[in-house]
Amino acid sequence: MTFSDIFKSNFLSNVTSVTLPDMFLALALSFGIGMLIFLIYKKTYAGVMYSSSFGVTLIAMTMISTFVILAVTSNVVLSLGMVGALSIVRFRTAIKEPMDIAFLFWAIAAGIVLAAGMIPLAVIGSVIIGVMILVFANRKSHTRPYIVVLQCDSQDSENRASAFLKEHTNRMSVKSKSVRKGEIELNLEIRLKDAATDFMNELADLEGVRNAVLVSYNGDYMG
């Protein structure tokens, strides 16, 4: 085969460049690995609103990567055209969770490695990555934080409320403070000693405290 033969393209000759058993085996394995990625994503999701469409996208990305790489590895001319076509693709969907990026790269990488014929690497690597994510994704070494939204009418009432919260919680830190004429608003992060929240009624009844709201939140936070 000469250098010029590499760049000769014949449509009919490309039909048999990838055999049917190879196609079905590669796509079946990519579907299985995609399902593994989808199930681990669903199990470890810690955001506010779970998106089932993103989970299906992970399966599709694995399979799409597989058949694209199968085509590229069978034809040099097609691989050059594919590079040019993919270079103009722009994705506008915002990634809300940092872990979503890891799952997208995992799906794409698994499809590429699988289509390259490295089946043990794709399978064993995906299992190891999945176990690692299951172990560390939802692991929390601290109690869940709460936010107290506190409205006071003076510095004295703020001091009384802060002293009260320090007495009834394990930890308290001021996240933000807004001061207006005759009103002070605080956002405080606290860690409860137990699950009881009855102390909020006593906090709201303190002299000078206009309003007190306890909010639980999920997501990433500093321990």
Protein backbone atom coordinates (compact mmCIF):
# COMPACT_ATOMS: atom_id res chain seq x y z
CA MET A 1 0.00 0.00 0.00
CA THR A 2 1.41 3.36 -1.08
CA PHE A 3 0.91 6.72 0.61
CA SER A 4 -1.68 7.73 -1.99
CA ASP A 5 -3.67 4.52 -1.43
CA ILE A 6 -4.31 5.55 2.16
CA PHE A 7 -6.32 8.55 1.04
CA LYS A 8 -8.36 6.76 -1.61
CA SER A 9 -12.00 6.54 -0.61
CA ASN A 10 -14.53 4.06 -1.92
CA PHE A 11 -18.02 4.04 -0.42
CA LEU A 12 -18.75 0.37 -1.07
CA SER A 13 -15.42 -0.78 0.32
CA ASN A 14 -16.24 0.95 3.61
CA VAL A 15 -19.39 -1.13 4.11
CA THR A 16 -17.44 -4.16 5.31
CA SER A 17 -14.67 -2.25 7.09
CA VAL A 18 -16.34 -3.07 10.43
CA THR A 19 -17.99 -6.48 10.71
CA LEU A 20 -21.47 -6.94 12.15
CA PRO A 21 -20.27 -9.05 15.14
CA ASP A 22 -17.79 -6.31 16.04
CA MET A 23 -20.53 -3.68 15.81
CA PHE A 24 -23.01 -5.54 17.99
CA LEU A 25 -20.38 -6.58 20.54
CA ALA A 26 -18.98 -3.05 20.87
CA LEU A 27 -22.41 -1.40 21.13
CA ALA A 28 -23.68 -4.03 23.59
CA LEU A 29 -20.65 -3.56 25.83
CA SER A 30 -20.91 0.24 25.58
CA PHE A 31 -24.57 0.03 26.55
CA GLY A 32 -23.67 -2.09 29.58
CA ILE A 33 -20.94 0.29 30.71
CA GLY A 34 -23.26 3.25 30.04
CA MET A 35 -25.89 1.65 32.27
CA LEU A 36 -23.27 1.22 35.00
CA ILE A 37 -22.36 4.90 34.74
CA PHE A 38 -26.04 5.89 34.77
CA LEU A 39 -26.82 3.81 37.88
CA ILE A 40 -23.82 5.17 39.78
CA TYR A 41 -24.78 8.73 38.78
CA LYS A 42 -28.32 8.14 40.04
CA LYS A 43 -27.05 6.57 43.27
CA THR A 44 -24.53 9.29 44.10
CA TYR A 45 -26.40 12.39 42.91
CA ALA A 46 -26.38 14.99 45.66
CA GLY A 47 -27.79 18.06 43.92
CA VAL A 48 -31.13 19.73 44.43
CA MET A 49 -33.03 18.54 41.33
CA TYR A 50 -32.20 15.19 39.72
CA SER A 51 -32.32 15.20 35.90
CA SER A 52 -33.24 11.83 34.39
CA SER A 53 -32.43 13.16 30.91
CA PHE A 54 -28.80 13.68 31.92
CA GLY A 55 -28.64 10.05 33.08
CA VAL A 56 -29.90 8.88 29.68
CA THR A 57 -27.36 11.22 28.05
CA LEU A 58 -24.55 9.33 29.81
CA ILE A 59 -25.67 6.07 28.21
CA ALA A 60 -26.00 7.74 24.81
CA MET A 61 -22.58 9.41 25.08
CA THR A 62 -20.91 6.06 25.79
CA MET A 63 -22.54 4.40 22.77
CA ILE A 64 -21.98 7.40 20.47
CA SER A 65 -18.29 7.55 21.38
CA THR A 66 -18.00 3.84 20.63
CA PHE A 67 -19.40 3.88 17.11
CA VAL A 68 -17.58 7.12 16.23
CA ILE A 69 -14.22 5.62 17.20
CA LEU A 70 -15.07 2.39 15.35
CA ALA A 71 -15.59 4.44 12.21
CA VAL A 72 -12.46 6.51 12.73
CA THR A 73 -10.19 3.52 13.30
CA SER A 74 -11.40 1.86 10.09
CA ASN A 75 -10.77 4.80 7.72
CA VAL A 76 -8.02 7.41 7.80
CA VAL A 77 -9.88 9.84 5.55
CA LEU A 78 -12.96 9.63 7.76
CA SER A 79 -10.86 10.28 10.85
CA LEU A 80 -9.53 13.52 9.35
CA GLY A 81 -13.04 14.64 8.43
CA MET A 82 -14.34 13.72 11.87
CA VAL A 83 -11.69 15.88 13.54
CA GLY A 84 -12.70 18.83 11.41
CA ALA A 85 -16.42 18.30 12.02
CA LEU A 86 -16.10 17.93 15.79
CA SER A 87 -13.86 20.98 16.06
CA ILE A 88 -16.78 23.27 15.15
CA VAL A 89 -19.22 21.73 17.63
CA ARG A 90 -20.10 24.01 20.55
CA PHE A 91 -22.05 22.86 23.61
CA ARG A 92 -24.22 25.53 25.24
CA THR A 93 -25.77 23.50 28.07
CA ALA A 94 -24.52 24.67 31.46
CA ILE A 95 -23.02 22.07 33.80
CA LYS A 96 -24.53 22.72 37.22
CA GLU A 97 -22.69 20.11 39.30
CA PRO A 98 -18.90 19.56 39.19
CA MET A 99 -19.39 15.79 39.34
CA ASP A 100 -21.46 15.94 36.13
CA ILE A 101 -18.28 16.82 34.23
CA ALA A 102 -16.54 13.74 35.62
CA PHE A 103 -19.44 11.50 34.54
CA LEU A 104 -19.45 12.99 31.03
CA PHE A 105 -15.71 12.41 30.60
CA TRP A 106 -16.09 8.92 32.05
CA ALA A 107 -18.79 8.06 29.49
CA ILE A 108 -16.78 9.44 26.57
CA ALA A 109 -13.52 7.82 27.69
CA ALA A 110 -15.19 4.43 28.24
CA GLY A 111 -16.67 4.54 24.73
CA ILE A 112 -13.31 5.47 23.16
CA VAL A 113 -11.32 2.80 25.02
CA LEU A 114 -13.95 0.17 24.27
CA ALA A 115 -14.02 0.96 20.53
CA ALA A 116 -10.22 0.81 20.45
CA GLY A 117 -10.47 -2.86 21.44
CA MET A 118 -9.23 -2.47 25.00
CA ILE A 119 -12.24 -4.24 26.50
CA PRO A 120 -10.59 -5.32 29.81
CA LEU A 121 -9.37 -1.76 30.40
CA ALA A 122 -12.83 -0.32 29.69
CA VAL A 123 -14.66 -2.80 31.93
CA ILE A 124 -12.21 -3.03 34.83
CA GLY A 125 -11.45 0.70 34.73
CA SER A 126 -15.17 1.56 34.84
CA VAL A 127 -15.74 -0.78 37.78
CA ILE A 128 -12.84 0.73 39.74
CA ILE A 129 -13.98 4.29 39.00
CA GLY A 130 -17.56 3.38 39.97
CA VAL A 131 -16.48 1.88 43.30
CA MET A 132 -14.32 4.94 44.04
CA ILE A 133 -17.21 7.32 43.36
CA LEU A 134 -19.61 5.25 45.47
CA VAL A 135 -17.18 5.33 48.39
CA PHE A 136 -16.30 9.02 48.32
CA ALA A 137 -19.15 10.90 46.58
CA ASN A 138 -21.64 11.02 49.45
CA ARG A 139 -19.19 10.61 52.30
CA LYS A 140 -19.60 13.35 54.90
CA SER A 141 -17.33 13.59 57.92
CA HIS A 142 -19.45 16.24 59.64
CA THR A 143 -23.03 16.92 60.59
CA ARG A 144 -25.43 18.65 58.25
CA PRO A 145 -25.30 22.45 58.46
CA TYR A 146 -28.29 24.73 58.93
CA ILE A 147 -28.76 28.40 58.15
CA VAL A 148 -30.46 30.69 60.66
CA VAL A 149 -31.95 33.86 59.18
CA LEU A 150 -32.18 36.27 62.11
CA GLN A 151 -33.70 39.76 62.26
CA CYS A 152 -32.96 41.94 65.30
CA ASP A 153 -33.68 45.54 66.16
CA SER A 154 -30.40 46.45 67.92
CA GLN A 155 -26.85 45.36 68.72
CA ASP A 156 -27.90 44.21 72.19
CA SER A 157 -30.56 41.87 70.83
CA GLU A 158 -28.05 40.52 68.32
CA ASN A 159 -25.60 39.76 71.13
CA ARG A 160 -28.31 37.97 73.14
CA ALA A 161 -29.38 35.92 70.13
CA SER A 162 -25.78 34.99 69.28
CA ALA A 163 -25.08 33.92 72.86
CA PHE A 164 -28.27 31.84 72.88
CA LEU A 165 -27.28 30.07 69.63
CA LYS A 166 -23.77 29.34 70.87
CA GLU A 167 -25.28 27.71 73.94
CA HIS A 168 -27.67 25.49 71.98
CA THR A 169 -25.45 24.50 69.02
CA ASN A 170 -22.09 22.86 68.49
CA ARG A 171 -20.85 25.50 66.11
CA MET A 172 -21.94 28.89 64.82
CA SER A 173 -20.44 31.23 62.24
CA VAL A 174 -21.73 34.43 60.65
CA LYS A 175 -22.07 34.15 56.87
CA SER A 176 -23.51 37.58 56.15
CA LYS A 177 -24.73 40.63 58.02
CA SER A 178 -26.93 43.49 56.80
CA VAL A 179 -27.48 46.59 58.91
CA ARG A 180 -30.24 49.13 58.29
CA LYS A 181 -31.78 51.81 60.46
CA GLY A 182 -33.49 50.03 63.33
CA GLU A 183 -32.84 46.54 61.89
CA ILE A 184 -30.00 44.02 61.75
CA GLU A 185 -30.29 40.91 59.57
CA LEU A 186 -27.92 37.98 60.02
CA ASN A 187 -27.34 34.73 58.15
CA LEU A 188 -25.61 32.28 60.47
CA GLU A 189 -24.44 28.75 59.74
CA ILE A 190 -24.91 26.40 62.69
CA ARG A 191 -24.35 22.72 63.52
CA LEU A 192 -26.96 21.23 65.82
CA LYS A 193 -26.14 19.16 68.89
CA ASP A 194 -29.02 16.82 68.08
CA ALA A 195 -32.06 16.70 65.80
CA ALA A 196 -34.19 18.88 68.10
CA THR A 197 -35.08 22.33 66.76
CA ASP A 198 -37.41 23.50 69.54
CA PHE A 199 -34.86 26.10 70.61
CA MET A 200 -35.94 28.21 67.61
CA ASN A 201 -39.19 29.04 69.42
CA GLU A 202 -37.23 30.37 72.38
CA LEU A 203 -34.91 32.27 70.05
CA ALA A 204 -37.83 33.98 68.33
CA ASP A 205 -39.25 35.01 71.73
CA LEU A 206 -36.08 36.78 72.86
CA GLU A 207 -36.40 40.49 73.43
CA GLY A 208 -35.48 42.48 70.31
CA VAL A 209 -35.67 39.48 67.94
CA ARG A 210 -38.22 40.24 65.21
CA ASN A 211 -37.94 37.05 63.22
CA ALA A 212 -35.93 33.80 63.26
CA VAL A 213 -36.00 31.14 60.52
CA LEU A 214 -34.09 27.85 60.43
CA VAL A 215 -33.23 26.48 56.95
CA SER A 216 -31.61 23.17 56.09
CA TYR A 217 -29.63 23.00 52.85
CA ASN A 218 -27.80 20.39 50.83
CA GLY A 219 -24.87 20.61 48.44
CA ASP A 220 -21.21 21.45 48.72
CA TYR A 221 -20.02 23.26 51.78
CA MET A 222 -16.87 23.64 53.81
CA GLY A 223 -16.54 21.32 56.79
